[in-house]
Amino acid sequence: MIGSRQHGGGVIAFTFIIALLLTVIPLPEGLRFLRPDWVGLVLIYWCMALPHRVGVASGWFMGLMVDLLTGTLLGQHALSLTVIAYITLKFHQRLRLVPVWQQSLTVLVLLVLHQLLALWISRIIGRPGVPWYFWMPSVLGMIIWPLVYVTLRGLRRGFRVS
């Protein structure tokens, strides 16, 4: 790849910034469980689309940003987003071949894994159990994955991110 230039780093950073903003935007107390895991969705997309640009280090860094912005235990989201990035990178070629609705099922599994790791860490430090709607962000992430995928793919193609 000598001589090939990478374009669109600003677009990738912009999408992560938007995801972080959507993660911390205030919602009424009754609707907080309806917030999808925006950072996780964006990370999964970029790891699938450009595995040579966005990887495990990006997952770790974005996890630290989520930890700082949401006030959770430092490293909690960093660990889970790093694991998600690693798994996505490991299977990115297979994920690209399946239709978007089947990718949604994989996204559900990855987001549930993210939440399981976060729950595990919360339980280790002594926080109480979670209600049933704790799992709603993963389900909503699966539902909106086709929209996220099409939007980010349009940005990637429109700005020729490579």
N, C-alpha and C. Protein backbone atom coordinates (compact mmCIF):
# COMPACT_ATOMS: atom_id res chain seq x y z
N MET A 1 0.81 -1.19 0.00
CA MET A 1 0.00 0.00 0.00
C MET A 1 0.86 1.26 0.00
N ILE A 2 2.06 1.16 -0.49
CA ILE A 2 2.91 2.34 -0.58
C ILE A 2 2.33 3.24 -1.65
N GLY A 3 2.18 4.49 -1.29
CA GLY A 3 1.65 5.45 -2.25
C GLY A 3 0.14 5.65 -2.14
N SER A 4 -0.56 4.79 -1.43
CA SER A 4 -2.00 5.00 -1.28
C SER A 4 -2.24 5.94 -0.10
N ARG A 5 -3.14 6.85 -0.28
CA ARG A 5 -3.44 7.82 0.76
C ARG A 5 -4.75 7.48 1.41
N GLN A 6 -4.81 7.71 2.69
CA GLN A 6 -6.04 7.47 3.43
C GLN A 6 -6.77 8.80 3.54
N HIS A 7 -8.04 8.75 3.21
CA HIS A 7 -8.86 9.96 3.25
C HIS A 7 -9.98 9.77 4.25
N GLY A 8 -10.45 10.88 4.80
CA GLY A 8 -11.67 10.87 5.58
C GLY A 8 -11.51 10.62 7.06
N GLY A 9 -10.34 10.81 7.61
CA GLY A 9 -10.18 10.65 9.06
C GLY A 9 -11.07 11.58 9.84
N GLY A 10 -11.30 12.76 9.29
CA GLY A 10 -12.19 13.71 9.94
C GLY A 10 -13.64 13.24 9.96
N VAL A 11 -14.05 12.53 8.93
CA VAL A 11 -15.42 12.00 8.88
C VAL A 11 -15.60 10.93 9.94
N ILE A 12 -14.60 10.07 10.09
CA ILE A 12 -14.67 9.03 11.11
C ILE A 12 -14.75 9.66 12.49
N ALA A 13 -13.89 10.63 12.76
CA ALA A 13 -13.90 11.32 14.05
C ALA A 13 -15.22 12.03 14.28
N PHE A 14 -15.76 12.67 13.24
CA PHE A 14 -17.04 13.36 13.35
C PHE A 14 -18.16 12.40 13.74
N THR A 15 -18.19 11.21 13.14
CA THR A 15 -19.25 10.26 13.47
C THR A 15 -19.12 9.79 14.92
N PHE A 16 -17.90 9.62 15.40
CA PHE A 16 -17.73 9.24 16.80
C PHE A 16 -18.14 10.37 17.75
N ILE A 17 -17.85 11.61 17.37
CA ILE A 17 -18.25 12.74 18.20
C ILE A 17 -19.77 12.84 18.27
N ILE A 18 -20.44 12.66 17.14
CA ILE A 18 -21.91 12.66 17.13
C ILE A 18 -22.44 11.53 18.01
N ALA A 19 -21.82 10.35 17.92
CA ALA A 19 -22.25 9.22 18.75
C ALA A 19 -22.08 9.53 20.23
N LEU A 20 -20.97 10.18 20.59
CA LEU A 20 -20.77 10.57 21.99
C LEU A 20 -21.81 11.59 22.44
N LEU A 21 -22.12 12.54 21.56
CA LEU A 21 -23.15 13.53 21.91
C LEU A 21 -24.52 12.87 22.09
N LEU A 22 -24.85 11.94 21.22
CA LEU A 22 -26.12 11.23 21.35
C LEU A 22 -26.16 10.37 22.61
N THR A 23 -24.99 9.97 23.09
CA THR A 23 -24.92 9.16 24.31
C THR A 23 -25.20 9.99 25.55
N VAL A 24 -24.82 11.26 25.54
CA VAL A 24 -24.98 12.08 26.74
C VAL A 24 -26.10 13.10 26.65
N ILE A 25 -26.81 13.16 25.55
CA ILE A 25 -27.91 14.11 25.43
C ILE A 25 -28.97 13.78 26.49
N PRO A 26 -29.45 14.78 27.20
CA PRO A 26 -30.42 14.50 28.28
C PRO A 26 -31.75 13.97 27.73
N LEU A 27 -32.27 12.97 28.42
CA LEU A 27 -33.58 12.41 28.11
C LEU A 27 -34.40 12.38 29.39
N PRO A 28 -35.71 12.42 29.28
CA PRO A 28 -36.53 12.28 30.49
C PRO A 28 -36.24 10.94 31.18
N GLU A 29 -36.44 10.91 32.49
CA GLU A 29 -36.11 9.72 33.28
C GLU A 29 -36.79 8.46 32.74
N GLY A 30 -38.02 8.57 32.30
CA GLY A 30 -38.76 7.41 31.81
C GLY A 30 -38.30 6.90 30.45
N LEU A 31 -37.51 7.70 29.73
CA LEU A 31 -37.08 7.30 28.39
C LEU A 31 -35.59 6.95 28.31
N ARG A 32 -34.89 7.01 29.41
CA ARG A 32 -33.44 6.75 29.36
C ARG A 32 -33.11 5.34 28.90
N PHE A 33 -33.98 4.40 29.18
CA PHE A 33 -33.70 3.03 28.77
C PHE A 33 -33.92 2.83 27.28
N LEU A 34 -34.44 3.86 26.59
CA LEU A 34 -34.65 3.77 25.14
C LEU A 34 -33.50 4.36 24.33
N ARG A 35 -32.38 4.62 24.98
CA ARG A 35 -31.22 5.18 24.29
C ARG A 35 -30.35 4.03 23.75
N PRO A 36 -30.21 3.93 22.43
CA PRO A 36 -29.33 2.88 21.90
C PRO A 36 -27.87 3.16 22.23
N ASP A 37 -27.06 2.17 22.09
CA ASP A 37 -25.62 2.31 22.32
C ASP A 37 -25.00 2.88 21.04
N TRP A 38 -25.04 4.20 20.92
CA TRP A 38 -24.59 4.86 19.70
C TRP A 38 -23.13 4.62 19.42
N VAL A 39 -22.31 4.72 20.44
CA VAL A 39 -20.86 4.55 20.24
C VAL A 39 -20.57 3.11 19.79
N GLY A 40 -21.24 2.16 20.39
CA GLY A 40 -21.06 0.77 19.99
C GLY A 40 -21.46 0.53 18.55
N LEU A 41 -22.57 1.12 18.12
CA LEU A 41 -23.03 0.96 16.74
C LEU A 41 -22.04 1.56 15.74
N VAL A 42 -21.57 2.76 16.04
CA VAL A 42 -20.62 3.42 15.14
C VAL A 42 -19.30 2.65 15.11
N LEU A 43 -18.86 2.17 16.26
CA LEU A 43 -17.62 1.39 16.31
C LEU A 43 -17.75 0.10 15.49
N ILE A 44 -18.86 -0.58 15.62
CA ILE A 44 -19.06 -1.82 14.85
C ILE A 44 -19.03 -1.51 13.35
N TYR A 45 -19.70 -0.43 12.94
CA TYR A 45 -19.71 -0.11 11.51
C TYR A 45 -18.29 0.15 10.99
N TRP A 46 -17.55 1.03 11.67
CA TRP A 46 -16.23 1.39 11.15
C TRP A 46 -15.25 0.22 11.23
N CYS A 47 -15.38 -0.64 12.23
CA CYS A 47 -14.53 -1.83 12.27
C CYS A 47 -14.85 -2.78 11.13
N MET A 48 -16.10 -2.83 10.73
CA MET A 48 -16.49 -3.67 9.59
C MET A 48 -16.05 -3.04 8.28
N ALA A 49 -16.27 -1.75 8.14
CA ALA A 49 -16.02 -1.08 6.87
C ALA A 49 -14.54 -0.81 6.62
N LEU A 50 -13.84 -0.35 7.63
CA LEU A 50 -12.42 0.01 7.48
C LEU A 50 -11.60 -0.59 8.61
N PRO A 51 -11.40 -1.90 8.58
CA PRO A 51 -10.68 -2.54 9.69
C PRO A 51 -9.22 -2.10 9.81
N HIS A 52 -8.65 -1.58 8.73
CA HIS A 52 -7.27 -1.11 8.79
C HIS A 52 -7.16 0.28 9.42
N ARG A 53 -8.28 0.99 9.59
CA ARG A 53 -8.27 2.33 10.17
C ARG A 53 -8.83 2.38 11.58
N VAL A 54 -9.88 1.61 11.83
CA VAL A 54 -10.55 1.64 13.13
C VAL A 54 -10.46 0.24 13.73
N GLY A 55 -9.90 0.16 14.93
CA GLY A 55 -9.69 -1.16 15.51
C GLY A 55 -9.82 -1.17 17.01
N VAL A 56 -9.06 -2.03 17.62
CA VAL A 56 -9.14 -2.25 19.06
C VAL A 56 -8.75 -0.99 19.84
N ALA A 57 -7.72 -0.31 19.38
CA ALA A 57 -7.30 0.93 20.06
C ALA A 57 -8.40 1.99 19.99
N SER A 58 -9.10 2.05 18.87
CA SER A 58 -10.21 2.99 18.74
C SER A 58 -11.32 2.63 19.72
N GLY A 59 -11.60 1.33 19.86
CA GLY A 59 -12.61 0.88 20.81
C GLY A 59 -12.24 1.24 22.23
N TRP A 60 -10.97 1.06 22.57
CA TRP A 60 -10.50 1.40 23.91
C TRP A 60 -10.63 2.90 24.16
N PHE A 61 -10.18 3.71 23.20
CA PHE A 61 -10.23 5.15 23.37
C PHE A 61 -11.68 5.64 23.47
N MET A 62 -12.56 5.15 22.61
CA MET A 62 -13.96 5.57 22.67
C MET A 62 -14.62 5.10 23.96
N GLY A 63 -14.23 3.93 24.44
CA GLY A 63 -14.75 3.46 25.72
C GLY A 63 -14.34 4.37 26.87
N LEU A 64 -13.09 4.83 26.85
CA LEU A 64 -12.65 5.78 27.87
C LEU A 64 -13.44 7.08 27.78
N MET A 65 -13.72 7.52 26.55
CA MET A 65 -14.51 8.74 26.38
C MET A 65 -15.92 8.56 26.96
N VAL A 66 -16.53 7.41 26.70
CA VAL A 66 -17.86 7.14 27.24
C VAL A 66 -17.80 7.09 28.77
N ASP A 67 -16.77 6.47 29.31
CA ASP A 67 -16.61 6.42 30.77
C ASP A 67 -16.50 7.82 31.36
N LEU A 68 -15.70 8.66 30.72
CA LEU A 68 -15.53 10.03 31.22
C LEU A 68 -16.82 10.84 31.11
N LEU A 69 -17.51 10.70 30.00
CA LEU A 69 -18.72 11.51 29.78
C LEU A 69 -19.91 11.04 30.61
N THR A 70 -20.01 9.76 30.89
CA THR A 70 -21.17 9.24 31.62
C THR A 70 -20.90 9.07 33.11
N GLY A 71 -19.66 9.21 33.54
CA GLY A 71 -19.34 9.10 34.96
C GLY A 71 -19.32 7.68 35.48
N THR A 72 -19.13 6.71 34.60
CA THR A 72 -19.05 5.32 35.05
C THR A 72 -17.61 5.02 35.47
N LEU A 73 -17.42 3.85 36.02
CA LEU A 73 -16.11 3.41 36.45
C LEU A 73 -15.14 3.48 35.27
N LEU A 74 -14.02 4.13 35.46
CA LEU A 74 -13.06 4.32 34.37
C LEU A 74 -12.53 2.97 33.90
N GLY A 75 -12.76 2.68 32.63
CA GLY A 75 -12.32 1.44 32.04
C GLY A 75 -13.45 0.45 31.79
N GLN A 76 -14.62 0.71 32.35
CA GLN A 76 -15.75 -0.21 32.19
C GLN A 76 -16.17 -0.33 30.73
N HIS A 77 -16.48 0.80 30.11
CA HIS A 77 -16.86 0.77 28.71
C HIS A 77 -15.64 0.54 27.81
N ALA A 78 -14.48 0.96 28.27
CA ALA A 78 -13.26 0.75 27.48
C ALA A 78 -13.03 -0.75 27.28
N LEU A 79 -13.21 -1.53 28.32
CA LEU A 79 -13.03 -2.97 28.21
C LEU A 79 -14.05 -3.57 27.25
N SER A 80 -15.31 -3.23 27.43
CA SER A 80 -16.34 -3.87 26.61
C SER A 80 -16.28 -3.42 25.15
N LEU A 81 -15.98 -2.16 24.89
CA LEU A 81 -15.87 -1.71 23.50
C LEU A 81 -14.62 -2.28 22.83
N THR A 82 -13.58 -2.52 23.60
CA THR A 82 -12.38 -3.16 23.06
C THR A 82 -12.69 -4.58 22.63
N VAL A 83 -13.44 -5.30 23.45
CA VAL A 83 -13.83 -6.67 23.11
C VAL A 83 -14.72 -6.68 21.87
N ILE A 84 -15.67 -5.74 21.79
CA ILE A 84 -16.56 -5.64 20.63
C ILE A 84 -15.74 -5.36 19.37
N ALA A 85 -14.80 -4.43 19.46
CA ALA A 85 -13.96 -4.10 18.30
C ALA A 85 -13.15 -5.32 17.87
N TYR A 86 -12.60 -6.05 18.82
CA TYR A 86 -11.80 -7.23 18.48
C TYR A 86 -12.65 -8.28 17.75
N ILE A 87 -13.83 -8.57 18.29
CA ILE A 87 -14.69 -9.59 17.67
C ILE A 87 -15.13 -9.13 16.28
N THR A 88 -15.48 -7.87 16.15
CA THR A 88 -15.90 -7.35 14.84
C THR A 88 -14.76 -7.45 13.84
N LEU A 89 -13.55 -7.10 14.26
CA LEU A 89 -12.40 -7.20 13.37
C LEU A 89 -12.12 -8.65 12.98
N LYS A 90 -12.32 -9.55 13.91
CA LYS A 90 -12.07 -10.96 13.65
C LYS A 90 -13.02 -11.51 12.57
N PHE A 91 -14.26 -11.01 12.55
CA PHE A 91 -15.27 -11.54 11.64
C PHE A 91 -15.74 -10.54 10.60
N HIS A 92 -14.99 -9.45 10.38
CA HIS A 92 -15.48 -8.39 9.50
C HIS A 92 -15.71 -8.87 8.06
N GLN A 93 -14.89 -9.78 7.56
CA GLN A 93 -15.08 -10.24 6.18
C GLN A 93 -16.36 -11.06 6.04
N ARG A 94 -16.67 -11.85 7.04
CA ARG A 94 -17.92 -12.62 7.00
C ARG A 94 -19.13 -11.70 7.15
N LEU A 95 -19.01 -10.70 8.02
CA LEU A 95 -20.14 -9.79 8.25
C LEU A 95 -20.48 -8.98 7.01
N ARG A 96 -19.48 -8.63 6.25
CA ARG A 96 -19.71 -7.85 5.03
C ARG A 96 -20.54 -8.61 4.00
N LEU A 97 -20.46 -9.93 4.02
CA LEU A 97 -21.12 -10.75 3.00
C LEU A 97 -22.60 -10.97 3.25
N VAL A 98 -23.03 -10.82 4.49
CA VAL A 98 -24.44 -11.12 4.80
C VAL A 98 -25.29 -9.87 4.64
N PRO A 99 -26.59 -10.05 4.39
CA PRO A 99 -27.48 -8.89 4.28
C PRO A 99 -27.56 -8.11 5.60
N VAL A 100 -28.00 -6.88 5.49
CA VAL A 100 -28.04 -5.98 6.65
C VAL A 100 -28.94 -6.54 7.75
N TRP A 101 -30.05 -7.18 7.40
CA TRP A 101 -30.92 -7.70 8.45
C TRP A 101 -30.24 -8.82 9.22
N GLN A 102 -29.37 -9.59 8.58
CA GLN A 102 -28.62 -10.60 9.31
C GLN A 102 -27.48 -9.97 10.12
N GLN A 103 -26.93 -8.89 9.62
CA GLN A 103 -25.94 -8.16 10.40
C GLN A 103 -26.58 -7.64 11.68
N SER A 104 -27.86 -7.29 11.62
CA SER A 104 -28.57 -6.79 12.80
C SER A 104 -28.53 -7.81 13.93
N LEU A 105 -28.64 -9.07 13.61
CA LEU A 105 -28.59 -10.11 14.63
C LEU A 105 -27.21 -10.20 15.26
N THR A 106 -26.18 -10.05 14.45
CA THR A 106 -24.82 -10.04 14.98
C THR A 106 -24.60 -8.81 15.84
N VAL A 107 -25.14 -7.67 15.40
CA VAL A 107 -25.04 -6.44 16.19
C VAL A 107 -25.72 -6.63 17.54
N LEU A 108 -26.87 -7.30 17.55
CA LEU A 108 -27.55 -7.58 18.81
C LEU A 108 -26.65 -8.37 19.75
N VAL A 109 -26.01 -9.41 19.24
CA VAL A 109 -25.12 -10.23 20.06
C VAL A 109 -23.95 -9.39 20.60
N LEU A 110 -23.37 -8.56 19.74
CA LEU A 110 -22.24 -7.73 20.17
C LEU A 110 -22.67 -6.71 21.22
N LEU A 111 -23.83 -6.09 21.04
CA LEU A 111 -24.30 -5.11 22.01
C LEU A 111 -24.71 -5.76 23.33
N VAL A 112 -25.28 -6.95 23.27
CA VAL A 112 -25.60 -7.68 24.50
C VAL A 112 -24.30 -8.04 25.23
N LEU A 113 -23.28 -8.43 24.49
CA LEU A 113 -21.98 -8.71 25.10
C LEU A 113 -21.43 -7.46 25.79
N HIS A 114 -21.56 -6.32 25.13
CA HIS A 114 -21.15 -5.05 25.74
C HIS A 114 -21.86 -4.84 27.06
N GLN A 115 -23.17 -5.05 27.07
CA GLN A 115 -23.94 -4.83 28.29
C GLN A 115 -23.62 -5.88 29.36
N LEU A 116 -23.38 -7.12 28.93
CA LEU A 116 -23.03 -8.16 29.91
C LEU A 116 -21.71 -7.84 30.61
N LEU A 117 -20.73 -7.37 29.85
CA LEU A 117 -19.46 -6.99 30.46
C LEU A 117 -19.63 -5.81 31.41
N ALA A 118 -20.43 -4.82 31.01
CA ALA A 118 -20.69 -3.67 31.88
C ALA A 118 -21.44 -4.12 33.14
N LEU A 119 -22.41 -5.02 32.99
CA LEU A 119 -23.16 -5.54 34.14
C LEU A 119 -22.24 -6.33 35.06
N TRP A 120 -21.37 -7.13 34.48
CA TRP A 120 -20.44 -7.92 35.27
C TRP A 120 -19.56 -7.01 36.13
N ILE A 121 -19.03 -5.96 35.53
CA ILE A 121 -18.19 -5.02 36.27
C ILE A 121 -18.99 -4.30 37.35
N SER A 122 -20.22 -3.92 37.02
CA SER A 122 -21.08 -3.26 38.01
C SER A 122 -21.35 -4.17 39.20
N ARG A 123 -21.59 -5.43 38.95
CA ARG A 123 -21.85 -6.39 40.02
C ARG A 123 -20.59 -6.63 40.86
N ILE A 124 -19.43 -6.62 40.23
CA ILE A 124 -18.18 -6.81 40.97
C ILE A 124 -17.96 -5.68 41.97
N ILE A 125 -18.29 -4.46 41.57
CA ILE A 125 -18.06 -3.32 42.48
C ILE A 125 -19.23 -3.11 43.44
N GLY A 126 -20.24 -4.00 43.37
CA GLY A 126 -21.29 -3.98 44.38
C GLY A 126 -22.55 -3.21 44.05
N ARG A 127 -22.74 -2.88 42.80
CA ARG A 127 -23.99 -2.21 42.43
C ARG A 127 -25.12 -3.22 42.40
N PRO A 128 -26.35 -2.77 42.65
CA PRO A 128 -27.48 -3.71 42.68
C PRO A 128 -27.84 -4.22 41.29
N GLY A 129 -28.73 -5.23 41.26
CA GLY A 129 -29.18 -5.82 40.00
C GLY A 129 -29.87 -4.79 39.11
N VAL A 130 -30.16 -5.20 37.91
CA VAL A 130 -30.75 -4.28 36.94
C VAL A 130 -32.16 -4.73 36.60
N PRO A 131 -33.03 -3.77 36.22
CA PRO A 131 -34.38 -4.14 35.80
C PRO A 131 -34.39 -4.76 34.41
N TRP A 132 -35.53 -5.27 34.00
CA TRP A 132 -35.66 -5.96 32.71
C TRP A 132 -35.34 -5.04 31.54
N TYR A 133 -35.64 -3.77 31.66
CA TYR A 133 -35.43 -2.86 30.53
C TYR A 133 -33.97 -2.45 30.37
N PHE A 134 -33.08 -3.00 31.17
CA PHE A 134 -31.65 -2.79 31.00
C PHE A 134 -31.18 -3.24 29.63
N TRP A 135 -31.86 -4.24 29.05
CA TRP A 135 -31.46 -4.84 27.78
C TRP A 135 -32.04 -4.10 26.57
N MET A 136 -32.88 -3.11 26.77
CA MET A 136 -33.51 -2.39 25.67
C MET A 136 -32.53 -1.69 24.72
N PRO A 137 -31.43 -1.10 25.18
CA PRO A 137 -30.51 -0.48 24.24
C PRO A 137 -29.96 -1.46 23.20
N SER A 138 -29.74 -2.70 23.59
CA SER A 138 -29.25 -3.69 22.63
C SER A 138 -30.32 -4.02 21.59
N VAL A 139 -31.54 -4.19 22.05
CA VAL A 139 -32.65 -4.49 21.13
C VAL A 139 -32.87 -3.31 20.18
N LEU A 140 -32.85 -2.10 20.71
CA LEU A 140 -33.02 -0.92 19.86
C LEU A 140 -31.86 -0.76 18.89
N GLY A 141 -30.65 -1.09 19.33
CA GLY A 141 -29.50 -1.05 18.43
C GLY A 141 -29.68 -2.00 17.26
N MET A 142 -30.22 -3.18 17.54
CA MET A 142 -30.48 -4.14 16.46
C MET A 142 -31.53 -3.59 15.50
N ILE A 143 -32.56 -2.96 16.04
CA ILE A 143 -33.65 -2.45 15.20
C ILE A 143 -33.17 -1.31 14.31
N ILE A 144 -32.34 -0.41 14.86
CA ILE A 144 -31.92 0.75 14.06
C ILE A 144 -30.64 0.49 13.28
N TRP A 145 -30.03 -0.70 13.40
CA TRP A 145 -28.80 -0.99 12.68
C TRP A 145 -28.91 -0.73 11.18
N PRO A 146 -29.98 -1.16 10.50
CA PRO A 146 -30.04 -0.87 9.06
C PRO A 146 -29.95 0.62 8.75
N LEU A 147 -30.60 1.45 9.55
CA LEU A 147 -30.54 2.90 9.34
C LEU A 147 -29.13 3.43 9.59
N VAL A 148 -28.51 2.98 10.67
CA VAL A 148 -27.14 3.40 10.99
C VAL A 148 -26.19 2.96 9.88
N TYR A 149 -26.33 1.73 9.43
CA TYR A 149 -25.47 1.19 8.38
C TYR A 149 -25.59 1.99 7.10
N VAL A 150 -26.81 2.25 6.67
CA VAL A 150 -27.03 2.99 5.41
C VAL A 150 -26.51 4.42 5.54
N THR A 151 -26.74 5.05 6.68
CA THR A 151 -26.29 6.42 6.88
C THR A 151 -24.77 6.51 6.86
N LEU A 152 -24.11 5.66 7.62
CA LEU A 152 -22.64 5.71 7.67
C LEU A 152 -22.02 5.27 6.35
N ARG A 153 -22.63 4.33 5.67
CA ARG A 153 -22.11 3.93 4.35
C ARG A 153 -22.24 5.08 3.37
N GLY A 154 -23.36 5.81 3.44
CA GLY A 154 -23.52 6.99 2.58
C GLY A 154 -22.47 8.04 2.85
N LEU A 155 -22.17 8.29 4.13
CA LEU A 155 -21.11 9.24 4.48
C LEU A 155 -19.75 8.75 3.98
N ARG A 156 -19.49 7.46 4.17
CA ARG A 156 -18.20 6.91 3.74
C ARG A 156 -18.03 7.04 2.24
N ARG A 157 -19.08 6.72 1.49
CA ARG A 157 -18.98 6.82 0.02
C ARG A 157 -19.00 8.27 -0.45
N GLY A 158 -19.81 9.10 0.19
CA GLY A 158 -19.91 10.50 -0.22
C GLY A 158 -18.63 11.27 -0.02
N PHE A 159 -17.94 11.00 1.09
CA PHE A 159 -16.69 11.69 1.38
C PHE A 159 -15.46 10.86 0.98
N ARG A 160 -15.70 9.74 0.32
CA ARG A 160 -14.63 8.85 -0.16
C ARG A 160 -13.64 8.49 0.95
N VAL A 161 -14.18 8.05 2.07
CA VAL A 161 -13.35 7.65 3.19
C VAL A 161 -12.72 6.31 2.86
N SER A 162 -11.40 6.25 2.96
CA SER A 162 -10.71 4.99 2.65
C SER A 162 -9.61 4.75 3.67
